[in-house]
Amino acid sequence: YDTTDSKLDPTRGFRLSGTVTPYPSFLGSTVGMTVMTGTASGYLSLDKESRYILAGRVRMGSIVGASLYDVPPPHRFFAGGGGSVRGYDYQSIGPTDAFGRVIGGRSLLEGSVEMRMKVTDTIGIVPFVDAGGAFRDSVPSFDDDGIKYSAGIGLRYYTSLGPLRLDVARGLNRDKGDPPYGIYMSLGQSF
C-alpha cells in the first residue's frame, strides 16, 4: 500500500508492504518453515514547499517452523549496510557461531529516522539515526547485544530522475572488528 507522492523522493504519505512465504514440506521443501516480513515508512512535510521532511522506517521479519540451523543461510535475516543499519558492514549484524562469524537469525528488527533538509533547490543535507539487529529466535530479543545503533549525515543532489545520495555513518556501539565508519552512494533516498 503506497500513498506517497514519489517513488524515489517522497515528501508526504506512507508505505506499507509485507510478504508471507511458506515452504511446506508436503510440497517438497526440505525444511517446513514460513518466512514473514513487513516494512512501514512514513514521510511528513514540515513546510509548504517540502524543504523539510521528517522520514521514518520500521522493518520486521520472522521465520517460524524451523530451528535456526535448519533454516538455509540464504533465507536467514541479517542487518547492516546501506539499506539497513548504516555505519556497519553489509550483513554484519546478527547471531554468530562459536568462531564469531555472523550466521544470520530467525527474526529481524530495524528502524531509521531522517530529517531531510533542502539547502538549495538541488542540494540537501540529511542527518539520520539507524538501529537494528537480527536474532536467533523467531521473535526479536531485547535482552542481548543484538541491537546496533548508528548515526550519520547525508548529502543529496536533486536531479530530475531523483536524488543522488551520499551518506556517511558511524556505528555507535561497535564491536572489535567493526569499521570506524561507512560510506554509501545510490540513486534515490535510503527508504
N, C-alpha and C. Protein backbone atom coordinates (compact mmCIF):
# COMPACT_ATOMS: atom_id res chain seq x y z
N TYR A 1 0.85 -1.17 0.00
CA TYR A 1 0.00 0.00 0.00
C TYR A 1 0.90 1.22 0.00
N ASP A 2 0.65 2.18 -0.88
CA ASP A 2 1.53 3.33 -1.03
C ASP A 2 0.71 4.59 -1.28
N THR A 3 0.81 5.57 -0.37
CA THR A 3 0.14 6.85 -0.56
C THR A 3 1.15 7.98 -0.77
N THR A 4 2.42 7.64 -1.01
CA THR A 4 3.45 8.68 -1.17
C THR A 4 3.30 9.38 -2.50
N ASP A 5 3.94 10.54 -2.61
CA ASP A 5 3.86 11.35 -3.82
C ASP A 5 5.00 11.10 -4.80
N SER A 6 5.97 10.23 -4.45
CA SER A 6 7.10 9.95 -5.34
C SER A 6 7.74 8.62 -4.93
N LYS A 7 8.19 7.86 -5.92
CA LYS A 7 8.86 6.58 -5.62
C LYS A 7 10.28 6.79 -5.10
N LEU A 8 11.03 7.74 -5.68
CA LEU A 8 12.43 7.94 -5.32
C LEU A 8 12.66 9.04 -4.29
N ASP A 9 11.73 9.98 -4.17
CA ASP A 9 11.92 11.10 -3.24
C ASP A 9 10.59 11.54 -2.64
N PRO A 10 9.98 10.70 -1.78
CA PRO A 10 8.68 11.05 -1.21
C PRO A 10 8.79 12.20 -0.22
N THR A 11 7.74 13.05 -0.20
CA THR A 11 7.70 14.17 0.75
C THR A 11 6.51 14.06 1.70
N ARG A 12 5.54 13.21 1.37
CA ARG A 12 4.38 13.01 2.26
C ARG A 12 3.76 11.66 1.96
N GLY A 13 3.04 11.15 2.94
CA GLY A 13 2.37 9.88 2.77
C GLY A 13 3.07 8.76 3.52
N PHE A 14 2.64 7.54 3.25
CA PHE A 14 3.26 6.38 3.90
C PHE A 14 3.19 5.17 2.97
N ARG A 15 4.05 4.20 3.28
CA ARG A 15 4.12 2.95 2.53
C ARG A 15 4.05 1.78 3.50
N LEU A 16 3.28 0.76 3.11
CA LEU A 16 3.22 -0.48 3.87
C LEU A 16 3.45 -1.62 2.90
N SER A 17 4.30 -2.56 3.28
CA SER A 17 4.50 -3.74 2.45
C SER A 17 4.76 -4.93 3.35
N GLY A 18 4.40 -6.09 2.87
CA GLY A 18 4.62 -7.29 3.65
C GLY A 18 4.58 -8.52 2.76
N THR A 19 5.24 -9.56 3.20
CA THR A 19 5.24 -10.83 2.48
C THR A 19 5.12 -11.97 3.48
N VAL A 20 4.48 -13.02 3.05
CA VAL A 20 4.45 -14.28 3.78
C VAL A 20 4.79 -15.36 2.76
N THR A 21 5.89 -16.07 3.00
CA THR A 21 6.34 -17.10 2.07
C THR A 21 6.42 -18.43 2.79
N PRO A 22 5.48 -19.34 2.50
CA PRO A 22 5.55 -20.67 3.12
C PRO A 22 6.45 -21.60 2.31
N TYR A 23 7.15 -22.46 3.01
CA TYR A 23 7.96 -23.52 2.41
C TYR A 23 7.48 -24.84 3.01
N PRO A 24 6.32 -25.33 2.56
CA PRO A 24 5.76 -26.55 3.19
C PRO A 24 6.49 -27.81 2.73
N SER A 25 6.74 -28.69 3.69
CA SER A 25 7.44 -29.94 3.37
C SER A 25 6.59 -30.85 2.51
N PHE A 26 5.25 -30.75 2.59
CA PHE A 26 4.41 -31.63 1.76
C PHE A 26 4.47 -31.27 0.27
N LEU A 27 5.06 -30.08 -0.06
CA LEU A 27 5.26 -29.71 -1.46
C LEU A 27 6.71 -29.89 -1.90
N GLY A 28 7.51 -30.56 -1.06
CA GLY A 28 8.88 -30.87 -1.46
C GLY A 28 9.97 -30.07 -0.79
N SER A 29 9.63 -29.09 0.03
CA SER A 29 10.66 -28.33 0.73
C SER A 29 11.34 -29.24 1.76
N THR A 30 12.66 -29.15 1.85
CA THR A 30 13.38 -29.97 2.82
C THR A 30 13.20 -29.45 4.24
N VAL A 31 12.81 -28.18 4.37
CA VAL A 31 12.57 -27.57 5.68
C VAL A 31 11.19 -26.95 5.66
N GLY A 32 10.30 -27.40 6.55
CA GLY A 32 8.97 -26.80 6.64
C GLY A 32 9.02 -25.53 7.47
N MET A 33 8.98 -24.38 6.81
CA MET A 33 9.08 -23.11 7.52
C MET A 33 8.25 -22.07 6.78
N THR A 34 8.02 -20.94 7.46
CA THR A 34 7.33 -19.80 6.86
C THR A 34 8.14 -18.55 7.18
N VAL A 35 8.40 -17.75 6.14
CA VAL A 35 9.17 -16.50 6.29
C VAL A 35 8.20 -15.34 6.12
N MET A 36 8.16 -14.45 7.12
CA MET A 36 7.28 -13.27 7.10
C MET A 36 8.11 -12.00 7.25
N THR A 37 7.82 -11.01 6.42
CA THR A 37 8.48 -9.70 6.53
C THR A 37 7.44 -8.60 6.40
N GLY A 38 7.73 -7.46 7.00
CA GLY A 38 6.86 -6.30 6.90
C GLY A 38 7.68 -5.02 7.02
N THR A 39 7.32 -4.03 6.23
CA THR A 39 8.01 -2.74 6.27
C THR A 39 6.96 -1.63 6.26
N ALA A 40 7.18 -0.62 7.10
CA ALA A 40 6.34 0.58 7.13
C ALA A 40 7.24 1.80 7.11
N SER A 41 6.93 2.75 6.25
CA SER A 41 7.68 4.01 6.23
C SER A 41 6.70 5.16 6.10
N GLY A 42 7.06 6.29 6.69
CA GLY A 42 6.21 7.46 6.66
C GLY A 42 7.01 8.72 6.39
N TYR A 43 6.36 9.69 5.76
CA TYR A 43 7.02 10.92 5.33
C TYR A 43 6.11 12.10 5.67
N LEU A 44 6.67 13.08 6.37
CA LEU A 44 5.89 14.23 6.81
C LEU A 44 6.60 15.51 6.39
N SER A 45 5.95 16.29 5.53
CA SER A 45 6.48 17.58 5.11
C SER A 45 6.20 18.59 6.22
N LEU A 46 7.24 19.29 6.67
CA LEU A 46 7.09 20.23 7.77
C LEU A 46 6.84 21.66 7.31
N ASP A 47 6.86 21.89 5.98
CA ASP A 47 6.59 23.21 5.45
C ASP A 47 5.86 23.09 4.11
N LYS A 48 5.31 24.18 3.61
CA LYS A 48 4.52 24.16 2.37
C LYS A 48 5.36 23.78 1.15
N GLU A 49 6.62 24.21 1.13
CA GLU A 49 7.49 23.96 -0.03
C GLU A 49 8.15 22.59 0.02
N SER A 50 7.91 21.82 1.08
CA SER A 50 8.52 20.48 1.28
C SER A 50 10.04 20.54 1.25
N ARG A 51 10.59 21.56 1.90
CA ARG A 51 12.05 21.67 2.03
C ARG A 51 12.55 20.93 3.27
N TYR A 52 11.65 20.65 4.21
CA TYR A 52 12.00 19.94 5.44
C TYR A 52 11.06 18.74 5.57
N ILE A 53 11.62 17.55 5.48
CA ILE A 53 10.84 16.32 5.50
C ILE A 53 11.34 15.44 6.65
N LEU A 54 10.43 15.03 7.51
CA LEU A 54 10.75 14.06 8.55
C LEU A 54 10.34 12.69 8.01
N ALA A 55 11.29 11.75 7.97
CA ALA A 55 11.03 10.43 7.39
C ALA A 55 11.41 9.35 8.40
N GLY A 56 10.60 8.30 8.46
CA GLY A 56 10.88 7.19 9.37
C GLY A 56 10.52 5.85 8.72
N ARG A 57 11.23 4.81 9.16
CA ARG A 57 11.01 3.47 8.61
C ARG A 57 11.18 2.43 9.69
N VAL A 58 10.34 1.39 9.67
CA VAL A 58 10.46 0.22 10.55
C VAL A 58 10.35 -1.02 9.68
N ARG A 59 11.23 -1.97 9.89
CA ARG A 59 11.19 -3.24 9.15
C ARG A 59 11.29 -4.38 10.15
N MET A 60 10.43 -5.40 9.97
CA MET A 60 10.44 -6.55 10.86
C MET A 60 10.37 -7.82 10.03
N GLY A 61 10.90 -8.90 10.60
CA GLY A 61 10.82 -10.18 9.92
C GLY A 61 10.86 -11.32 10.92
N SER A 62 10.30 -12.47 10.52
CA SER A 62 10.27 -13.63 11.40
C SER A 62 10.22 -14.90 10.55
N ILE A 63 10.93 -15.92 11.02
CA ILE A 63 10.89 -17.25 10.41
C ILE A 63 10.37 -18.21 11.47
N VAL A 64 9.28 -18.91 11.16
CA VAL A 64 8.69 -19.86 12.10
C VAL A 64 8.67 -21.25 11.47
N GLY A 65 8.65 -22.27 12.33
CA GLY A 65 8.52 -23.64 11.87
C GLY A 65 9.81 -24.41 11.74
N ALA A 66 10.95 -23.77 11.99
CA ALA A 66 12.25 -24.46 11.87
C ALA A 66 13.23 -23.84 12.85
N SER A 67 14.18 -24.63 13.31
CA SER A 67 15.23 -24.11 14.18
C SER A 67 16.22 -23.31 13.35
N LEU A 68 17.05 -22.51 14.00
CA LEU A 68 17.99 -21.64 13.30
C LEU A 68 18.88 -22.43 12.35
N TYR A 69 19.45 -23.53 12.81
CA TYR A 69 20.39 -24.28 11.97
C TYR A 69 19.70 -25.10 10.90
N ASP A 70 18.38 -25.27 10.97
CA ASP A 70 17.63 -25.92 9.90
C ASP A 70 17.28 -24.94 8.78
N VAL A 71 17.25 -23.64 9.08
CA VAL A 71 16.93 -22.62 8.07
C VAL A 71 18.15 -22.44 7.17
N PRO A 72 18.00 -22.62 5.85
CA PRO A 72 19.13 -22.42 4.95
C PRO A 72 19.67 -20.99 5.07
N PRO A 73 21.00 -20.81 5.09
CA PRO A 73 21.58 -19.47 5.26
C PRO A 73 21.03 -18.39 4.33
N PRO A 74 20.72 -18.66 3.05
CA PRO A 74 20.18 -17.57 2.22
C PRO A 74 18.80 -17.06 2.68
N HIS A 75 18.10 -17.82 3.50
CA HIS A 75 16.78 -17.39 3.98
C HIS A 75 16.84 -16.72 5.35
N ARG A 76 17.98 -16.75 6.02
CA ARG A 76 18.10 -16.12 7.34
C ARG A 76 18.16 -14.61 7.22
N PHE A 77 17.88 -13.94 8.34
CA PHE A 77 17.91 -12.47 8.38
C PHE A 77 19.27 -11.97 8.85
N PHE A 78 19.72 -10.90 8.22
CA PHE A 78 20.94 -10.20 8.59
C PHE A 78 20.63 -8.71 8.61
N ALA A 79 21.39 -7.93 9.35
CA ALA A 79 21.25 -6.48 9.37
C ALA A 79 22.62 -5.86 9.09
N GLY A 80 22.61 -4.59 8.76
CA GLY A 80 23.84 -3.86 8.50
C GLY A 80 23.97 -3.50 7.03
N GLY A 81 24.49 -2.30 6.77
CA GLY A 81 24.71 -1.85 5.41
C GLY A 81 23.86 -0.66 5.04
N GLY A 82 23.96 -0.24 3.77
CA GLY A 82 23.33 0.99 3.30
C GLY A 82 21.82 1.00 3.34
N GLY A 83 21.16 -0.14 3.22
CA GLY A 83 19.71 -0.19 3.28
C GLY A 83 19.20 -0.68 4.61
N SER A 84 20.06 -0.72 5.59
CA SER A 84 19.71 -1.31 6.89
C SER A 84 20.23 -0.41 8.01
N VAL A 85 21.28 -0.82 8.67
CA VAL A 85 21.91 -0.02 9.73
C VAL A 85 23.22 0.51 9.15
N ARG A 86 23.18 1.75 8.66
CA ARG A 86 24.36 2.35 8.06
C ARG A 86 25.45 2.54 9.12
N GLY A 87 26.69 2.44 8.70
CA GLY A 87 27.82 2.54 9.62
C GLY A 87 28.41 1.18 9.95
N TYR A 88 27.72 0.13 9.58
CA TYR A 88 28.18 -1.25 9.77
C TYR A 88 28.27 -1.91 8.39
N ASP A 89 29.14 -2.90 8.27
CA ASP A 89 29.28 -3.62 7.01
C ASP A 89 27.98 -4.33 6.64
N TYR A 90 27.83 -4.60 5.35
CA TYR A 90 26.67 -5.29 4.82
C TYR A 90 26.52 -6.66 5.48
N GLN A 91 25.37 -6.95 6.02
CA GLN A 91 25.01 -8.21 6.67
C GLN A 91 26.01 -8.62 7.77
N SER A 92 26.48 -7.63 8.52
CA SER A 92 27.45 -7.92 9.58
C SER A 92 26.83 -7.96 10.97
N ILE A 93 25.51 -7.75 11.07
CA ILE A 93 24.85 -7.72 12.37
C ILE A 93 23.91 -8.92 12.46
N GLY A 94 24.10 -9.73 13.47
CA GLY A 94 23.24 -10.89 13.67
C GLY A 94 23.92 -11.90 14.59
N PRO A 95 23.25 -13.01 14.84
CA PRO A 95 23.85 -14.05 15.69
C PRO A 95 25.15 -14.57 15.08
N THR A 96 26.05 -14.99 15.94
CA THR A 96 27.34 -15.51 15.49
C THR A 96 27.51 -16.97 15.93
N ASP A 97 28.43 -17.65 15.25
CA ASP A 97 28.76 -19.03 15.64
C ASP A 97 29.88 -19.00 16.67
N ALA A 98 30.41 -20.16 17.00
CA ALA A 98 31.46 -20.27 18.03
C ALA A 98 32.74 -19.56 17.62
N PHE A 99 32.92 -19.30 16.32
CA PHE A 99 34.13 -18.65 15.83
C PHE A 99 33.93 -17.16 15.61
N GLY A 100 32.76 -16.63 15.97
CA GLY A 100 32.49 -15.21 15.83
C GLY A 100 32.00 -14.79 14.46
N ARG A 101 31.69 -15.73 13.58
CA ARG A 101 31.18 -15.41 12.24
C ARG A 101 29.67 -15.19 12.31
N VAL A 102 29.19 -14.16 11.64
CA VAL A 102 27.75 -13.88 11.61
C VAL A 102 27.06 -14.95 10.77
N ILE A 103 26.06 -15.61 11.37
CA ILE A 103 25.37 -16.72 10.69
C ILE A 103 23.92 -16.37 10.33
N GLY A 104 23.43 -15.22 10.75
CA GLY A 104 22.05 -14.83 10.45
C GLY A 104 21.09 -15.31 11.53
N GLY A 105 19.87 -14.81 11.47
CA GLY A 105 18.90 -15.13 12.51
C GLY A 105 17.53 -15.47 11.96
N ARG A 106 16.63 -15.79 12.88
CA ARG A 106 15.24 -16.11 12.53
C ARG A 106 14.29 -14.93 12.71
N SER A 107 14.80 -13.81 13.19
CA SER A 107 13.96 -12.61 13.27
C SER A 107 14.82 -11.37 13.03
N LEU A 108 14.14 -10.29 12.68
CA LEU A 108 14.81 -9.05 12.31
C LEU A 108 13.98 -7.87 12.79
N LEU A 109 14.66 -6.84 13.27
CA LEU A 109 14.01 -5.58 13.62
C LEU A 109 14.95 -4.45 13.26
N GLU A 110 14.47 -3.51 12.43
CA GLU A 110 15.26 -2.36 12.01
C GLU A 110 14.40 -1.10 12.07
N GLY A 111 15.05 0.03 12.30
CA GLY A 111 14.35 1.30 12.27
C GLY A 111 15.29 2.43 11.88
N SER A 112 14.76 3.44 11.22
CA SER A 112 15.55 4.60 10.79
C SER A 112 14.69 5.86 10.91
N VAL A 113 15.34 6.97 11.25
CA VAL A 113 14.71 8.28 11.26
C VAL A 113 15.65 9.24 10.55
N GLU A 114 15.10 10.03 9.62
CA GLU A 114 15.89 11.01 8.88
C GLU A 114 15.19 12.37 8.91
N MET A 115 15.99 13.43 8.90
CA MET A 115 15.48 14.79 8.73
C MET A 115 16.06 15.30 7.41
N ARG A 116 15.24 15.30 6.36
CA ARG A 116 15.69 15.67 5.02
C ARG A 116 15.48 17.17 4.81
N MET A 117 16.59 17.91 4.65
CA MET A 117 16.53 19.38 4.56
C MET A 117 17.18 19.85 3.28
N LYS A 118 16.43 20.59 2.47
CA LYS A 118 16.97 21.18 1.25
C LYS A 118 17.64 22.51 1.58
N VAL A 119 18.92 22.63 1.24
CA VAL A 119 19.65 23.88 1.44
C VAL A 119 19.40 24.80 0.25
N THR A 120 19.42 24.22 -0.97
CA THR A 120 19.06 24.92 -2.19
C THR A 120 18.06 24.02 -2.93
N ASP A 121 17.69 24.41 -4.15
CA ASP A 121 16.77 23.58 -4.91
C ASP A 121 17.40 22.26 -5.35
N THR A 122 18.75 22.19 -5.39
CA THR A 122 19.42 20.98 -5.86
C THR A 122 20.30 20.31 -4.80
N ILE A 123 20.52 20.94 -3.66
CA ILE A 123 21.41 20.39 -2.63
C ILE A 123 20.64 20.23 -1.32
N GLY A 124 20.83 19.10 -0.66
CA GLY A 124 20.20 18.87 0.63
C GLY A 124 21.12 18.14 1.58
N ILE A 125 20.84 18.27 2.87
CA ILE A 125 21.58 17.51 3.88
C ILE A 125 20.57 16.70 4.69
N VAL A 126 21.03 15.55 5.17
CA VAL A 126 20.13 14.63 5.86
C VAL A 126 20.83 14.01 7.07
N PRO A 127 20.61 14.54 8.27
CA PRO A 127 21.08 13.83 9.47
C PRO A 127 20.14 12.64 9.73
N PHE A 128 20.70 11.53 10.21
CA PHE A 128 19.88 10.33 10.41
C PHE A 128 20.40 9.49 11.57
N VAL A 129 19.51 8.64 12.07
CA VAL A 129 19.83 7.66 13.11
C VAL A 129 19.20 6.34 12.68
N ASP A 130 19.98 5.25 12.77
CA ASP A 130 19.50 3.91 12.43
C ASP A 130 19.70 3.00 13.63
N ALA A 131 18.89 1.96 13.70
CA ALA A 131 19.04 0.92 14.73
C ALA A 131 18.52 -0.38 14.15
N GLY A 132 19.09 -1.49 14.60
CA GLY A 132 18.57 -2.76 14.12
C GLY A 132 19.41 -3.93 14.52
N GLY A 133 18.84 -5.11 14.30
CA GLY A 133 19.55 -6.34 14.60
C GLY A 133 18.79 -7.55 14.10
N ALA A 134 19.50 -8.66 14.00
CA ALA A 134 18.91 -9.96 13.67
C ALA A 134 19.09 -10.84 14.91
N PHE A 135 18.16 -11.78 15.12
CA PHE A 135 18.13 -12.53 16.38
C PHE A 135 17.93 -14.03 16.13
N ARG A 136 18.39 -14.86 17.06
CA ARG A 136 18.29 -16.32 16.94
C ARG A 136 16.84 -16.81 16.96
N ASP A 137 16.01 -16.23 17.81
CA ASP A 137 14.63 -16.69 17.96
C ASP A 137 13.72 -16.08 16.90
N SER A 138 12.51 -16.61 16.79
CA SER A 138 11.53 -16.11 15.82
C SER A 138 10.97 -14.74 16.19
N VAL A 139 11.20 -14.32 17.43
CA VAL A 139 10.77 -13.01 17.91
C VAL A 139 12.00 -12.27 18.41
N PRO A 140 12.21 -11.00 18.02
CA PRO A 140 13.39 -10.27 18.48
C PRO A 140 13.52 -10.28 20.00
N SER A 141 14.75 -10.44 20.47
CA SER A 141 15.05 -10.46 21.90
C SER A 141 15.83 -9.19 22.24
N PHE A 142 15.34 -8.45 23.19
CA PHE A 142 16.00 -7.20 23.55
C PHE A 142 16.92 -7.34 24.75
N ASP A 143 17.11 -8.57 25.26
CA ASP A 143 17.95 -8.75 26.44
C ASP A 143 19.40 -9.08 26.10
N ASP A 144 19.76 -9.09 24.82
CA ASP A 144 21.15 -9.33 24.47
C ASP A 144 21.70 -8.11 23.73
N ASP A 145 22.90 -8.25 23.17
CA ASP A 145 23.55 -7.13 22.49
C ASP A 145 23.24 -7.14 20.99
N GLY A 146 22.08 -7.64 20.60
CA GLY A 146 21.75 -7.77 19.19
C GLY A 146 21.44 -6.48 18.48
N ILE A 147 21.00 -5.45 19.18
CA ILE A 147 20.65 -4.18 18.54
C ILE A 147 21.90 -3.31 18.41
N LYS A 148 22.14 -2.86 17.18
CA LYS A 148 23.24 -1.93 16.91
C LYS A 148 22.64 -0.58 16.52
N TYR A 149 23.33 0.48 16.90
CA TYR A 149 22.88 1.85 16.64
C TYR A 149 23.92 2.58 15.81
N SER A 150 23.45 3.48 14.96
CA SER A 150 24.38 4.31 14.19
C SER A 150 23.76 5.68 13.96
N ALA A 151 24.63 6.62 13.63
CA ALA A 151 24.19 7.98 13.31
C ALA A 151 25.09 8.50 12.20
N GLY A 152 24.55 9.41 11.43
CA GLY A 152 25.36 9.95 10.34
C GLY A 152 24.70 11.13 9.68
N ILE A 153 25.32 11.53 8.59
CA ILE A 153 24.81 12.65 7.81
C ILE A 153 24.94 12.31 6.34
N GLY A 154 23.96 12.80 5.58
CA GLY A 154 23.95 12.53 4.15
C GLY A 154 23.92 13.82 3.35
N LEU A 155 24.38 13.71 2.13
CA LEU A 155 24.33 14.80 1.17
C LEU A 155 23.45 14.34 0.01
N ARG A 156 22.54 15.18 -0.44
CA ARG A 156 21.67 14.85 -1.56
C ARG A 156 21.86 15.89 -2.66
N TYR A 157 21.97 15.37 -3.89
CA TYR A 157 21.97 16.22 -5.07
C TYR A 157 20.72 15.86 -5.85
N TYR A 158 19.76 16.78 -5.92
CA TYR A 158 18.46 16.52 -6.51
C TYR A 158 18.52 16.70 -8.03
N THR A 159 18.16 15.62 -8.76
CA THR A 159 18.12 15.65 -10.22
C THR A 159 16.68 15.38 -10.67
N SER A 160 16.44 15.46 -11.96
CA SER A 160 15.09 15.20 -12.48
C SER A 160 14.73 13.71 -12.34
N LEU A 161 15.72 12.82 -12.26
CA LEU A 161 15.47 11.39 -12.07
C LEU A 161 15.21 11.03 -10.61
N GLY A 162 15.74 11.82 -9.71
CA GLY A 162 15.65 11.55 -8.28
C GLY A 162 16.94 12.00 -7.63
N PRO A 163 17.00 11.98 -6.30
CA PRO A 163 18.21 12.46 -5.63
C PRO A 163 19.36 11.47 -5.72
N LEU A 164 20.56 11.99 -5.93
CA LEU A 164 21.78 11.20 -5.78
C LEU A 164 22.15 11.28 -4.31
N ARG A 165 22.43 10.12 -3.70
CA ARG A 165 22.61 10.04 -2.25
C ARG A 165 24.04 9.67 -1.90
N LEU A 166 24.61 10.41 -0.97
CA LEU A 166 25.91 10.09 -0.37
C LEU A 166 25.73 10.18 1.14
N ASP A 167 25.86 9.05 1.83
CA ASP A 167 25.71 9.00 3.29
C ASP A 167 27.01 8.56 3.93
N VAL A 168 27.33 9.17 5.06
CA VAL A 168 28.46 8.76 5.89
C VAL A 168 27.90 8.50 7.28
N ALA A 169 28.19 7.30 7.82
CA ALA A 169 27.62 6.92 9.12
C ALA A 169 28.68 6.27 9.98
N ARG A 170 28.45 6.33 11.28
CA ARG A 170 29.34 5.70 12.25
C ARG A 170 28.51 4.88 13.22
N GLY A 171 28.93 3.65 13.44
CA GLY A 171 28.28 2.81 14.43
C GLY A 171 28.51 3.36 15.82
N LEU A 172 27.46 3.38 16.63
CA LEU A 172 27.58 3.97 17.97
C LEU A 172 27.95 2.94 19.04
N ASN A 173 27.68 1.67 18.80
CA ASN A 173 28.08 0.63 19.76
C ASN A 173 28.80 -0.50 19.02
N ARG A 174 29.91 -0.10 18.40
CA ARG A 174 30.70 -1.02 17.58
C ARG A 174 31.42 -2.05 18.45
N ASP A 175 31.62 -3.22 17.85
CA ASP A 175 32.43 -4.27 18.45
C ASP A 175 33.80 -4.28 17.79
N LYS A 176 34.72 -5.01 18.37
CA LYS A 176 36.04 -5.15 17.76
C LYS A 176 35.87 -5.75 16.37
N GLY A 177 36.50 -5.14 15.39
CA GLY A 177 36.39 -5.60 14.02
C GLY A 177 35.38 -4.85 13.18
N ASP A 178 34.46 -4.10 13.83
CA ASP A 178 33.51 -3.29 13.07
C ASP A 178 34.24 -2.09 12.46
N PRO A 179 33.82 -1.62 11.28
CA PRO A 179 34.51 -0.50 10.65
C PRO A 179 34.29 0.80 11.43
N PRO A 180 35.23 1.74 11.31
CA PRO A 180 35.06 3.02 12.02
C PRO A 180 33.92 3.85 11.45
N TYR A 181 33.60 3.68 10.16
CA TYR A 181 32.51 4.40 9.52
C TYR A 181 32.14 3.68 8.22
N GLY A 182 31.03 4.08 7.64
CA GLY A 182 30.59 3.54 6.36
C GLY A 182 30.20 4.66 5.43
N ILE A 183 30.45 4.47 4.13
CA ILE A 183 30.10 5.44 3.10
C ILE A 183 29.19 4.73 2.10
N TYR A 184 28.06 5.38 1.73
CA TYR A 184 27.07 4.75 0.86
C TYR A 184 26.65 5.74 -0.21
N MET A 185 26.55 5.26 -1.45
CA MET A 185 26.10 6.08 -2.58
C MET A 185 25.00 5.34 -3.33
N SER A 186 23.98 6.06 -3.77
CA SER A 186 22.92 5.45 -4.56
C SER A 186 22.06 6.53 -5.20
N LEU A 187 21.12 6.08 -6.04
CA LEU A 187 20.11 6.95 -6.61
C LEU A 187 18.84 6.75 -5.80
N GLY A 188 18.24 7.83 -5.34
CA GLY A 188 17.03 7.75 -4.53
C GLY A 188 17.36 7.85 -3.05
N GLN A 189 16.34 8.14 -2.27
CA GLN A 189 16.52 8.20 -0.82
C GLN A 189 16.77 6.80 -0.26
N SER A 190 17.22 6.71 0.97
CA SER A 190 17.55 5.42 1.55
C SER A 190 16.30 4.57 1.79
N PHE A 191 15.15 5.19 1.93
CA PHE A 191 13.87 4.49 2.03
C PHE A 191 12.74 5.42 1.64
